[in-house]
Amino acid sequence: METLQELHSILTDLGDERVLICADLNAHSRIWGYANEDTRGAQVEDFLLAQQLFLLNETNSPPSFEHRGRKGWPDLSFIKGTDFANSCTWKVLEDYTHSDHNYILIEALLSQ
């Protein structure tokens, strides 16, 4: 998947920096809410493990995408850095967005 190759390159360039990545990856996995898993979902899962990234999405969250009766969880947020992971919260908001994607609120408590 080309997107994952690009993300790998960016993460390599950033080295040990703390990183927050949010992306609409259209990948199905039970880990982030879908009832099934597809090939792309398995690739994203493998990528997260290989890059030691922490997924912020919560399994039982409302969908981040809704359109004409369809719903899904394509919008993924993941971070690099254990200390960073422990300081973040993630939540799908139910505010009207004028889009078929819902807002996602990510809060991070950072210390200098």
PDB file of N, CA and C in Angstrom:
ATOM      1  N   MET A   1       0.847  -1.175   0.000  1.00  0.00           N
ATOM      2  CA  MET A   1       0.000   0.000   0.000  1.00  0.00           C
ATOM      3  C   MET A   1       0.896   1.243   0.000  1.00  0.00           C
ATOM      4  N   GLU A   2       0.751   2.059  -0.994  1.00  0.00           N
ATOM      5  CA  GLU A   2       1.613   3.229  -1.190  1.00  0.00           C
ATOM      6  C   GLU A   2       1.583   4.201  -0.006  1.00  0.00           C
ATOM      7  N   THR A   3       0.417   4.402   0.567  1.00  0.00           N
ATOM      8  CA  THR A   3       0.294   5.323   1.699  1.00  0.00           C
ATOM      9  C   THR A   3       1.154   4.876   2.869  1.00  0.00           C
ATOM     10  N   LEU A   4       1.158   3.588   3.147  1.00  0.00           N
ATOM     11  CA  LEU A   4       1.957   3.077   4.261  1.00  0.00           C
ATOM     12  C   LEU A   4       3.455   3.217   3.974  1.00  0.00           C
ATOM     13  N   GLN A   5       3.846   3.066   2.712  1.00  0.00           N
ATOM     14  CA  GLN A   5       5.255   3.263   2.348  1.00  0.00           C
ATOM     15  C   GLN A   5       5.663   4.720   2.575  1.00  0.00           C
ATOM     16  N   GLU A   6       4.775   5.651   2.222  1.00  0.00           N
ATOM     17  CA  GLU A   6       5.052   7.068   2.444  1.00  0.00           C
ATOM     18  C   GLU A   6       5.146   7.376   3.935  1.00  0.00           C
ATOM     19  N   LEU A   7       4.235   6.818   4.724  1.00  0.00           N
ATOM     20  CA  LEU A   7       4.277   7.027   6.174  1.00  0.00           C
ATOM     21  C   LEU A   7       5.555   6.443   6.769  1.00  0.00           C
ATOM     22  N   HIS A   8       5.969   5.281   6.277  1.00  0.00           N
ATOM     23  CA  HIS A   8       7.216   4.670   6.752  1.00  0.00           C
ATOM     24  C   HIS A   8       8.398   5.602   6.483  1.00  0.00           C
ATOM     25  N   SER A   9       8.450   6.181   5.306  1.00  0.00           N
ATOM     26  CA  SER A   9       9.525   7.108   4.949  1.00  0.00           C
ATOM     27  C   SER A   9       9.521   8.331   5.857  1.00  0.00           C
ATOM     28  N   ILE A  10       8.356   8.882   6.110  1.00  0.00           N
ATOM     29  CA  ILE A  10       8.248  10.059   6.997  1.00  0.00           C
ATOM     30  C   ILE A  10       8.706   9.710   8.405  1.00  0.00           C
ATOM     31  N   LEU A  11       8.244   8.579   8.920  1.00  0.00           N
ATOM     32  CA  LEU A  11       8.630   8.169  10.273  1.00  0.00           C
ATOM     33  C   LEU A  11      10.132   7.924  10.373  1.00  0.00           C
ATOM     34  N   THR A  12      10.722   7.363   9.337  1.00  0.00           N
ATOM     35  CA  THR A  12      12.170   7.140   9.314  1.00  0.00           C
ATOM     36  C   THR A  12      12.911   8.470   9.377  1.00  0.00           C
ATOM     37  N   ASP A  13      12.450   9.438   8.588  1.00  0.00           N
ATOM     38  CA  ASP A  13      13.079  10.762   8.578  1.00  0.00           C
ATOM     39  C   ASP A  13      12.964  11.464   9.925  1.00  0.00           C
ATOM     40  N   LEU A  14      11.867  11.244  10.638  1.00  0.00           N
ATOM     41  CA  LEU A  14      11.646  11.924  11.917  1.00  0.00           C
ATOM     42  C   LEU A  14      12.391  11.273  13.075  1.00  0.00           C
ATOM     43  N   GLY A  15      12.852  10.061  12.892  1.00  0.00           N
ATOM     44  CA  GLY A  15      13.646   9.396  13.931  1.00  0.00           C
ATOM     45  C   GLY A  15      12.850   9.179  15.202  1.00  0.00           C
ATOM     46  N   ASP A  16      13.391   9.688  16.325  1.00  0.00           N
ATOM     47  CA  ASP A  16      12.782   9.455  17.638  1.00  0.00           C
ATOM     48  C   ASP A  16      11.765  10.523  18.044  1.00  0.00           C
ATOM     49  N   GLU A  17      11.416  11.414  17.133  1.00  0.00           N
ATOM     50  CA  GLU A  17      10.435  12.464  17.448  1.00  0.00           C
ATOM     51  C   GLU A  17       9.075  11.848  17.779  1.00  0.00           C
ATOM     52  N   ARG A  18       8.346  12.514  18.684  1.00  0.00           N
ATOM     53  CA  ARG A  18       6.960  12.109  18.933  1.00  0.00           C
ATOM     54  C   ARG A  18       6.129  12.533  17.732  1.00  0.00           C
ATOM     55  N   VAL A  19       5.254  11.650  17.290  1.00  0.00           N
ATOM     56  CA  VAL A  19       4.487  11.895  16.067  1.00  0.00           C
ATOM     57  C   VAL A  19       3.032  11.493  16.274  1.00  0.00           C
ATOM     58  N   LEU A  20       2.123  12.330  15.783  1.00  0.00           N
ATOM     59  CA  LEU A  20       0.698  12.023  15.744  1.00  0.00           C
ATOM     60  C   LEU A  20       0.288  11.988  14.282  1.00  0.00           C
ATOM     61  N   ILE A  21      -0.298  10.878  13.840  1.00  0.00           N
ATOM     62  CA  ILE A  21      -0.735  10.727  12.460  1.00  0.00           C
ATOM     63  C   ILE A  21      -2.232  10.434  12.463  1.00  0.00           C
ATOM     64  N   CYS A  22      -2.960  11.187  11.658  1.00  0.00           N
ATOM     65  CA  CYS A  22      -4.393  10.967  11.484  1.00  0.00           C
ATOM     66  C   CYS A  22      -4.641  10.792   9.997  1.00  0.00           C
ATOM     67  N   ALA A  23      -5.331   9.713   9.630  1.00  0.00           N
ATOM     68  CA  ALA A  23      -5.501   9.430   8.211  1.00  0.00           C
ATOM     69  C   ALA A  23      -6.794   8.662   7.952  1.00  0.00           C
ATOM     70  N   ASP A  24      -7.399   8.945   6.809  1.00  0.00           N
ATOM     71  CA  ASP A  24      -8.539   8.187   6.316  1.00  0.00           C
ATOM     72  C   ASP A  24      -7.952   7.064   5.471  1.00  0.00           C
ATOM     73  N   LEU A  25      -7.802   5.877   6.058  1.00  0.00           N
ATOM     74  CA  LEU A  25      -7.113   4.779   5.389  1.00  0.00           C
ATOM     75  C   LEU A  25      -8.059   3.753   4.764  1.00  0.00           C
ATOM     76  N   ASN A  26      -9.363   3.885   4.995  1.00  0.00           N
ATOM     77  CA  ASN A  26     -10.330   2.947   4.418  1.00  0.00           C
ATOM     78  C   ASN A  26      -9.903   1.498   4.597  1.00  0.00           C
ATOM     79  N   ALA A  27      -9.476   1.165   5.788  1.00  0.00           N
ATOM     80  CA  ALA A  27      -9.023  -0.177   6.115  1.00  0.00           C
ATOM     81  C   ALA A  27      -9.951  -0.769   7.172  1.00  0.00           C
ATOM     82  N   HIS A  28     -10.428  -1.991   6.933  1.00  0.00           N
ATOM     83  CA  HIS A  28     -11.349  -2.637   7.861  1.00  0.00           C
ATOM     84  C   HIS A  28     -10.602  -3.541   8.829  1.00  0.00           C
ATOM     85  N   SER A  29     -10.865  -3.352  10.110  1.00  0.00           N
ATOM     86  CA  SER A  29     -10.302  -4.214  11.148  1.00  0.00           C
ATOM     87  C   SER A  29     -11.231  -4.193  12.358  1.00  0.00           C
ATOM     88  N   ARG A  30     -11.357  -5.322  13.010  1.00  0.00           N
ATOM     89  CA  ARG A  30     -12.148  -5.389  14.246  1.00  0.00           C
ATOM     90  C   ARG A  30     -11.534  -4.514  15.329  1.00  0.00           C
ATOM     91  N   ILE A  31     -10.231  -4.308  15.254  1.00  0.00           N
ATOM     92  CA  ILE A  31      -9.527  -3.531  16.282  1.00  0.00           C
ATOM     93  C   ILE A  31     -10.085  -2.114  16.377  1.00  0.00           C
ATOM     94  N   TRP A  32     -10.480  -1.507  15.253  1.00  0.00           N
ATOM     95  CA  TRP A  32     -10.997  -0.141  15.300  1.00  0.00           C
ATOM     96  C   TRP A  32     -12.473  -0.030  14.935  1.00  0.00           C
ATOM     97  N   GLY A  33     -13.216  -1.135  15.059  1.00  0.00           N
ATOM     98  CA  GLY A  33     -14.660  -1.013  15.016  1.00  0.00           C
ATOM     99  C   GLY A  33     -15.430  -1.771  13.962  1.00  0.00           C
ATOM    100  N   TYR A  34     -14.791  -2.233  12.918  1.00  0.00           N
ATOM    101  CA  TYR A  34     -15.501  -2.947  11.861  1.00  0.00           C
ATOM    102  C   TYR A  34     -15.874  -4.360  12.313  1.00  0.00           C
ATOM    103  N   ALA A  35     -16.903  -4.928  11.698  1.00  0.00           N
ATOM    104  CA  ALA A  35     -17.323  -6.296  12.001  1.00  0.00           C
ATOM    105  C   ALA A  35     -16.458  -7.316  11.260  1.00  0.00           C
ATOM    106  N   ASN A  36     -15.676  -6.841  10.288  1.00  0.00           N
ATOM    107  CA  ASN A  36     -14.839  -7.734   9.487  1.00  0.00           C
ATOM    108  C   ASN A  36     -13.451  -7.122   9.311  1.00  0.00           C
ATOM    109  N   GLU A  37     -12.570  -7.887   8.691  1.00  0.00           N
ATOM    110  CA  GLU A  37     -11.230  -7.392   8.373  1.00  0.00           C
ATOM    111  C   GLU A  37     -10.986  -7.609   6.883  1.00  0.00           C
ATOM    112  N   ASP A  38     -10.347  -6.628   6.233  1.00  0.00           N
ATOM    113  CA  ASP A  38      -9.968  -6.801   4.837  1.00  0.00           C
ATOM    114  C   ASP A  38      -8.449  -6.785   4.716  1.00  0.00           C
ATOM    115  N   THR A  39      -7.955  -6.967   3.492  1.00  0.00           N
ATOM    116  CA  THR A  39      -6.505  -7.024   3.260  1.00  0.00           C
ATOM    117  C   THR A  39      -5.832  -5.739   3.712  1.00  0.00           C
ATOM    118  N   ARG A  40      -6.432  -4.612   3.401  1.00  0.00           N
ATOM    119  CA  ARG A  40      -5.853  -3.324   3.788  1.00  0.00           C
ATOM    120  C   ARG A  40      -5.799  -3.200   5.311  1.00  0.00           C
ATOM    121  N   GLY A  41      -6.833  -3.671   5.991  1.00  0.00           N
ATOM    122  CA  GLY A  41      -6.837  -3.648   7.453  1.00  0.00           C
ATOM    123  C   GLY A  41      -5.691  -4.451   8.032  1.00  0.00           C
ATOM    124  N   ALA A  42      -5.458  -5.640   7.474  1.00  0.00           N
ATOM    125  CA  ALA A  42      -4.344  -6.479   7.930  1.00  0.00           C
ATOM    126  C   ALA A  42      -3.009  -5.786   7.676  1.00  0.00           C
ATOM    127  N   GLN A  43      -2.890  -5.095   6.535  1.00  0.00           N
ATOM    128  CA  GLN A  43      -1.653  -4.363   6.228  1.00  0.00           C
ATOM    129  C   GLN A  43      -1.428  -3.233   7.229  1.00  0.00           C
ATOM    130  N   VAL A  44      -2.487  -2.511   7.575  1.00  0.00           N
ATOM    131  CA  VAL A  44      -2.357  -1.412   8.538  1.00  0.00           C
ATOM    132  C   VAL A  44      -1.993  -1.968   9.912  1.00  0.00           C
ATOM    133  N   GLU A  45      -2.633  -3.049  10.330  1.00  0.00           N
ATOM    134  CA  GLU A  45      -2.291  -3.672  11.611  1.00  0.00           C
ATOM    135  C   GLU A  45      -0.809  -4.044  11.648  1.00  0.00           C
ATOM    136  N   ASP A  46      -0.314  -4.698  10.585  1.00  0.00           N
ATOM    137  CA  ASP A  46       1.095  -5.088  10.508  1.00  0.00           C
ATOM    138  C   ASP A  46       2.005  -3.859  10.560  1.00  0.00           C
ATOM    139  N   PHE A  47       1.612  -2.793   9.862  1.00  0.00           N
ATOM    140  CA  PHE A  47       2.391  -1.558   9.840  1.00  0.00           C
ATOM    141  C   PHE A  47       2.492  -0.961  11.244  1.00  0.00           C
ATOM    142  N   LEU A  48       1.370  -0.895  11.947  1.00  0.00           N
ATOM    143  CA  LEU A  48       1.380  -0.342  13.307  1.00  0.00           C
ATOM    144  C   LEU A  48       2.317  -1.121  14.213  1.00  0.00           C
ATOM    145  N   LEU A  49       2.262  -2.437  14.112  1.00  0.00           N
ATOM    146  CA  LEU A  49       3.149  -3.279  14.928  1.00  0.00           C
ATOM    147  C   LEU A  49       4.611  -3.084  14.549  1.00  0.00           C
ATOM    148  N   ALA A  50       4.913  -3.109  13.263  1.00  0.00           N
ATOM    149  CA  ALA A  50       6.294  -2.989  12.796  1.00  0.00           C
ATOM    150  C   ALA A  50       6.904  -1.636  13.167  1.00  0.00           C
ATOM    151  N   GLN A  51       6.094  -0.587  13.130  1.00  0.00           N
ATOM    152  CA  GLN A  51       6.589   0.765  13.421  1.00  0.00           C
ATOM    153  C   GLN A  51       6.478   1.130  14.906  1.00  0.00           C
ATOM    154  N   GLN A  52       5.960   0.214  15.702  1.00  0.00           N
ATOM    155  CA  GLN A  52       5.740   0.431  17.135  1.00  0.00           C
ATOM    156  C   GLN A  52       4.886   1.679  17.375  1.00  0.00           C
ATOM    157  N   LEU A  53       3.762   1.733  16.654  1.00  0.00           N
ATOM    158  CA  LEU A  53       2.825   2.844  16.773  1.00  0.00           C
ATOM    159  C   LEU A  53       1.656   2.424  17.647  1.00  0.00           C
ATOM    160  N   PHE A  54       1.072   3.392  18.340  1.00  0.00           N
ATOM    161  CA  PHE A  54      -0.050   3.134  19.229  1.00  0.00           C
ATOM    162  C   PHE A  54      -1.319   3.704  18.605  1.00  0.00           C
ATOM    163  N   LEU A  55      -2.322   2.850  18.405  1.00  0.00           N
ATOM    164  CA  LEU A  55      -3.595   3.270  17.846  1.00  0.00           C
ATOM    165  C   LEU A  55      -4.410   3.954  18.937  1.00  0.00           C
ATOM    166  N   LEU A  56      -4.911   5.145  18.643  1.00  0.00           N
ATOM    167  CA  LEU A  56      -5.739   5.871  19.603  1.00  0.00           C
ATOM    168  C   LEU A  56      -7.219   5.517  19.484  1.00  0.00           C
ATOM    169  N   ASN A  57      -7.668   5.063  18.313  1.00  0.00           N
ATOM    170  CA  ASN A  57      -9.080   4.725  18.107  1.00  0.00           C
ATOM    171  C   ASN A  57      -9.546   3.738  19.166  1.00  0.00           C
ATOM    172  N   GLU A  58     -10.794   3.912  19.565  1.00  0.00           N
ATOM    173  CA  GLU A  58     -11.374   3.003  20.539  1.00  0.00           C
ATOM    174  C   GLU A  58     -12.353   2.069  19.829  1.00  0.00           C
ATOM    175  N   THR A  59     -12.283   0.785  20.137  1.00  0.00           N
ATOM    176  CA  THR A  59     -13.058  -0.240  19.449  1.00  0.00           C
ATOM    177  C   THR A  59     -14.557   0.032  19.457  1.00  0.00           C
ATOM    178  N   ASN A  60     -15.089   0.495  20.544  1.00  0.00           N
ATOM    179  CA  ASN A  60     -16.530   0.678  20.672  1.00  0.00           C
ATOM    180  C   ASN A  60     -16.980   2.110  20.410  1.00  0.00           C
ATOM    181  N   SER A  61     -16.221   2.869  19.665  1.00  0.00           N
ATOM    182  CA  SER A  61     -16.568   4.264  19.397  1.00  0.00           C
ATOM    183  C   SER A  61     -17.669   4.358  18.343  1.00  0.00           C
ATOM    184  N   PRO A  62     -18.377   5.490  18.311  1.00  0.00           N
ATOM    185  CA  PRO A  62     -19.311   5.713  17.207  1.00  0.00           C
ATOM    186  C   PRO A  62     -18.526   5.757  15.895  1.00  0.00           C
ATOM    187  N   PRO A  63     -19.184   5.550  14.755  1.00  0.00           N
ATOM    188  CA  PRO A  63     -18.466   5.590  13.478  1.00  0.00           C
ATOM    189  C   PRO A  63     -17.924   6.984  13.181  1.00  0.00           C
ATOM    190  N   SER A  64     -16.792   7.035  12.507  1.00  0.00           N
ATOM    191  CA  SER A  64     -16.230   8.326  12.096  1.00  0.00           C
ATOM    192  C   SER A  64     -16.722   8.717  10.713  1.00  0.00           C
ATOM    193  N   PHE A  65     -17.445   7.804  10.050  1.00  0.00           N
ATOM    194  CA  PHE A  65     -17.988   8.045   8.711  1.00  0.00           C
ATOM    195  C   PHE A  65     -19.432   7.561   8.663  1.00  0.00           C
ATOM    196  N   GLU A  66     -20.332   8.409   8.147  1.00  0.00           N
ATOM    197  CA  GLU A  66     -21.729   8.027   7.964  1.00  0.00           C
ATOM    198  C   GLU A  66     -22.254   8.688   6.702  1.00  0.00           C
ATOM    199  N   HIS A  67     -22.852   7.865   5.806  1.00  0.00           N
ATOM    200  CA  HIS A  67     -23.377   8.402   4.552  1.00  0.00           C
ATOM    201  C   HIS A  67     -24.486   7.497   4.031  1.00  0.00           C
ATOM    202  N   ARG A  68     -25.679   8.052   3.886  1.00  0.00           N
ATOM    203  CA  ARG A  68     -26.836   7.324   3.323  1.00  0.00           C
ATOM    204  C   ARG A  68     -27.016   5.935   3.922  1.00  0.00           C
ATOM    205  N   GLY A  69     -27.027   5.877   5.225  1.00  0.00           N
ATOM    206  CA  GLY A  69     -27.245   4.609   5.909  1.00  0.00           C
ATOM    207  C   GLY A  69     -26.020   3.738   6.077  1.00  0.00           C
ATOM    208  N   ARG A  70     -24.913   4.107   5.423  1.00  0.00           N
ATOM    209  CA  ARG A  70     -23.653   3.365   5.586  1.00  0.00           C
ATOM    210  C   ARG A  70     -22.853   4.017   6.700  1.00  0.00           C
ATOM    211  N   LYS A  71     -22.107   3.227   7.414  1.00  0.00           N
ATOM    212  CA  LYS A  71     -21.235   3.770   8.449  1.00  0.00           C
ATOM    213  C   LYS A  71     -19.933   2.990   8.482  1.00  0.00           C
ATOM    214  N   GLY A  72     -18.902   3.645   8.978  1.00  0.00           N
ATOM    215  CA  GLY A  72     -17.601   2.993   9.032  1.00  0.00           C
ATOM    216  C   GLY A  72     -16.648   3.724   9.954  1.00  0.00           C
ATOM    217  N   TRP A  73     -15.476   3.162  10.077  1.00  0.00           N
ATOM    218  CA  TRP A  73     -14.424   3.681  10.956  1.00  0.00           C
ATOM    219  C   TRP A  73     -13.112   3.821  10.182  1.00  0.00           C
ATOM    220  N   PRO A  74     -13.122   4.542   9.048  1.00  0.00           N
ATOM    221  CA  PRO A  74     -11.931   4.616   8.199  1.00  0.00           C
ATOM    222  C   PRO A  74     -10.862   5.571   8.720  1.00  0.00           C
ATOM    223  N   ASP A  75     -11.244   6.458   9.638  1.00  0.00           N
ATOM    224  CA  ASP A  75     -10.328   7.506  10.105  1.00  0.00           C
ATOM    225  C   ASP A  75      -9.536   7.000  11.301  1.00  0.00           C
ATOM    226  N   LEU A  76      -8.246   6.818  11.103  1.00  0.00           N
ATOM    227  CA  LEU A  76      -7.392   6.262  12.149  1.00  0.00           C
ATOM    228  C   LEU A  76      -6.434   7.317  12.667  1.00  0.00           C
ATOM    229  N   SER A  77      -6.171   7.234  13.953  1.00  0.00           N
ATOM    230  CA  SER A  77      -5.216   8.135  14.599  1.00  0.00           C
ATOM    231  C   SER A  77      -4.230   7.270  15.364  1.00  0.00           C
ATOM    232  N   PHE A  78      -2.951   7.462  15.094  1.00  0.00           N
ATOM    233  CA  PHE A  78      -1.946   6.692  15.812  1.00  0.00           C
ATOM    234  C   PHE A  78      -0.742   7.570  16.100  1.00  0.00           C
ATOM    235  N   ILE A  79      -0.006   7.155  17.117  1.00  0.00           N
ATOM    236  CA  ILE A  79       1.115   7.965  17.587  1.00  0.00           C
ATOM    237  C   ILE A  79       2.351   7.112  17.802  1.00  0.00           C
ATOM    238  N   LYS A  80       3.456   7.827  17.807  1.00  0.00           N
ATOM    239  CA  LYS A  80       4.753   7.209  18.071  1.00  0.00           C
ATOM    240  C   LYS A  80       5.261   7.790  19.383  1.00  0.00           C
ATOM    241  N   GLY A  81       5.603   6.932  20.298  1.00  0.00           N
ATOM    242  CA  GLY A  81       6.127   7.366  21.589  1.00  0.00           C
ATOM    243  C   GLY A  81       5.223   6.918  22.725  1.00  0.00           C
ATOM    244  N   THR A  82       5.725   6.029  23.587  1.00  0.00           N
ATOM    245  CA  THR A  82       4.925   5.503  24.688  1.00  0.00           C
ATOM    246  C   THR A  82       4.442   6.603  25.611  1.00  0.00           C
ATOM    247  N   ASP A  83       5.324   7.545  25.964  1.00  0.00           N
ATOM    248  CA  ASP A  83       4.918   8.622  26.867  1.00  0.00           C
ATOM    249  C   ASP A  83       3.826   9.472  26.227  1.00  0.00           C
ATOM    250  N   PHE A  84       3.911   9.659  24.942  1.00  0.00           N
ATOM    251  CA  PHE A  84       2.910  10.417  24.189  1.00  0.00           C
ATOM    252  C   PHE A  84       1.581   9.652  24.201  1.00  0.00           C
ATOM    253  N   ALA A  85       1.637   8.341  23.998  1.00  0.00           N
ATOM    254  CA  ALA A  85       0.428   7.511  23.963  1.00  0.00           C
ATOM    255  C   ALA A  85      -0.333   7.578  25.275  1.00  0.00           C
ATOM    256  N   ASN A  86       0.393   7.567  26.366  1.00  0.00           N
ATOM    257  CA  ASN A  86      -0.242   7.581  27.679  1.00  0.00           C
ATOM    258  C   ASN A  86      -0.868   8.922  28.027  1.00  0.00           C
ATOM    259  N   SER A  87      -0.565   9.965  27.270  1.00  0.00           N
ATOM    260  CA  SER A  87      -1.086  11.292  27.593  1.00  0.00           C
ATOM    261  C   SER A  87      -2.243  11.703  26.676  1.00  0.00           C
ATOM    262  N   CYS A  88      -2.683  10.819  25.774  1.00  0.00           N
ATOM    263  CA  CYS A  88      -3.696  11.180  24.776  1.00  0.00           C
ATOM    264  C   CYS A  88      -5.053  10.534  25.041  1.00  0.00           C
ATOM    265  N   THR A  89      -6.087  11.284  24.704  1.00  0.00           N
ATOM    266  CA  THR A  89      -7.435  10.731  24.661  1.00  0.00           C
ATOM    267  C   THR A  89      -7.991  10.962  23.263  1.00  0.00           C
ATOM    268  N   TRP A  90      -8.911  10.109  22.843  1.00  0.00           N
ATOM    269  CA  TRP A  90      -9.454  10.123  21.482  1.00  0.00           C
ATOM    270  C   TRP A  90     -10.944   9.899  21.559  1.00  0.00           C
ATOM    271  N   LYS A  91     -11.725  10.708  20.809  1.00  0.00           N
ATOM    272  CA  LYS A  91     -13.172  10.593  20.882  1.00  0.00           C
ATOM    273  C   LYS A  91     -13.811  11.080  19.588  1.00  0.00           C
ATOM    274  N   VAL A  92     -14.780  10.305  19.052  1.00  0.00           N
ATOM    275  CA  VAL A  92     -15.570  10.744  17.906  1.00  0.00           C
ATOM    276  C   VAL A  92     -16.687  11.625  18.447  1.00  0.00           C
ATOM    277  N   LEU A  93     -16.800  12.836  17.905  1.00  0.00           N
ATOM    278  CA  LEU A  93     -17.846  13.758  18.331  1.00  0.00           C
ATOM    279  C   LEU A  93     -19.084  13.568  17.469  1.00  0.00           C
ATOM    280  N   GLU A  94     -20.226  13.875  18.034  1.00  0.00           N
ATOM    281  CA  GLU A  94     -21.479  13.706  17.308  1.00  0.00           C
ATOM    282  C   GLU A  94     -22.034  15.038  16.817  1.00  0.00           C
ATOM    283  N   ASP A  95     -21.210  16.079  16.754  1.00  0.00           N
ATOM    284  CA  ASP A  95     -21.609  17.387  16.241  1.00  0.00           C
ATOM    285  C   ASP A  95     -21.819  17.295  14.727  1.00  0.00           C
ATOM    286  N   TYR A  96     -22.716  18.102  14.201  1.00  0.00           N
ATOM    287  CA  TYR A  96     -22.950  18.137  12.760  1.00  0.00           C
ATOM    288  C   TYR A  96     -21.735  18.756  12.065  1.00  0.00           C
ATOM    289  N   THR A  97     -21.261  18.129  10.973  1.00  0.00           N
ATOM    290  CA  THR A  97     -20.011  18.556  10.346  1.00  0.00           C
ATOM    291  C   THR A  97     -20.139  19.061   8.911  1.00  0.00           C
ATOM    292  N   HIS A  98     -21.313  18.968   8.293  1.00  0.00           N
ATOM    293  CA  HIS A  98     -21.483  19.301   6.874  1.00  0.00           C
ATOM    294  C   HIS A  98     -20.653  18.362   5.995  1.00  0.00           C
ATOM    295  N   SER A  99     -20.342  17.180   6.490  1.00  0.00           N
ATOM    296  CA  SER A  99     -19.518  16.200   5.789  1.00  0.00           C
ATOM    297  C   SER A  99     -20.035  14.813   6.134  1.00  0.00           C
ATOM    298  N   ASP A 100     -19.570  13.803   5.425  1.00  0.00           N
ATOM    299  CA  ASP A 100     -19.931  12.439   5.804  1.00  0.00           C
ATOM    300  C   ASP A 100     -18.945  11.852   6.828  1.00  0.00           C
ATOM    301  N   HIS A 101     -17.969  12.660   7.232  1.00  0.00           N
ATOM    302  CA  HIS A 101     -17.040  12.269   8.292  1.00  0.00           C
ATOM    303  C   HIS A 101     -17.347  13.076   9.554  1.00  0.00           C
ATOM    304  N   ASN A 102     -17.255  12.421  10.694  1.00  0.00           N
ATOM    305  CA  ASN A 102     -17.480  13.098  11.970  1.00  0.00           C
ATOM    306  C   ASN A 102     -16.174  13.674  12.495  1.00  0.00           C
ATOM    307  N   TYR A 103     -16.319  14.703  13.325  1.00  0.00           N
ATOM    308  CA  TYR A 103     -15.141  15.280  13.970  1.00  0.00           C
ATOM    309  C   TYR A 103     -14.558  14.271  14.951  1.00  0.00           C
ATOM    310  N   ILE A 104     -13.250  14.329  15.103  1.00  0.00           N
ATOM    311  CA  ILE A 104     -12.560  13.519  16.097  1.00  0.00           C
ATOM    312  C   ILE A 104     -11.784  14.473  16.991  1.00  0.00           C
ATOM    313  N   LEU A 105     -11.979  14.318  18.285  1.00  0.00           N
ATOM    314  CA  LEU A 105     -11.276  15.149  19.263  1.00  0.00           C
ATOM    315  C   LEU A 105     -10.128  14.343  19.845  1.00  0.00           C
ATOM    316  N   ILE A 106      -8.924  14.897  19.716  1.00  0.00           N
ATOM    317  CA  ILE A 106      -7.747  14.275  20.324  1.00  0.00           C
ATOM    318  C   ILE A 106      -7.158  15.291  21.302  1.00  0.00           C
ATOM    319  N   GLU A 107      -6.985  14.873  22.525  1.00  0.00           N
ATOM    320  CA  GLU A 107      -6.375  15.738  23.529  1.00  0.00           C
ATOM    321  C   GLU A 107      -5.096  15.097  24.004  1.00  0.00           C
ATOM    322  N   ALA A 108      -4.059  15.897  24.088  1.00  0.00           N
ATOM    323  CA  ALA A 108      -2.754  15.391  24.544  1.00  0.00           C
ATOM    324  C   ALA A 108      -2.212  16.327  25.620  1.00  0.00           C
ATOM    325  N   LEU A 109      -1.797  15.759  26.704  1.00  0.00           N
ATOM    326  CA  LEU A 109      -1.157  16.522  27.776  1.00  0.00           C
ATOM    327  C   LEU A 109       0.343  16.357  27.608  1.00  0.00           C
ATOM    328  N   LEU A 110       1.000  17.436  27.269  1.00  0.00           N
ATOM    329  CA  LEU A 110       2.429  17.383  27.004  1.00  0.00           C
ATOM    330  C   LEU A 110       3.196  18.163  28.059  1.00  0.00           C
ATOM    331  N   SER A 111       4.320  17.647  28.436  1.00  0.00           N
ATOM    332  CA  SER A 111       5.202  18.372  29.353  1.00  0.00           C
ATOM    333  C   SER A 111       6.485  18.694  28.628  1.00  0.00           C
ATOM    334  N   GLN A 112       7.103  19.774  29.006  1.00  0.00           N
ATOM    335  CA  GLN A 112       8.337  20.198  28.366  1.00  0.00           C
ATOM    336  C   GLN A 112       9.521  19.472  28.952  1.00  0.00           C
TER     337      GLN A 112
END
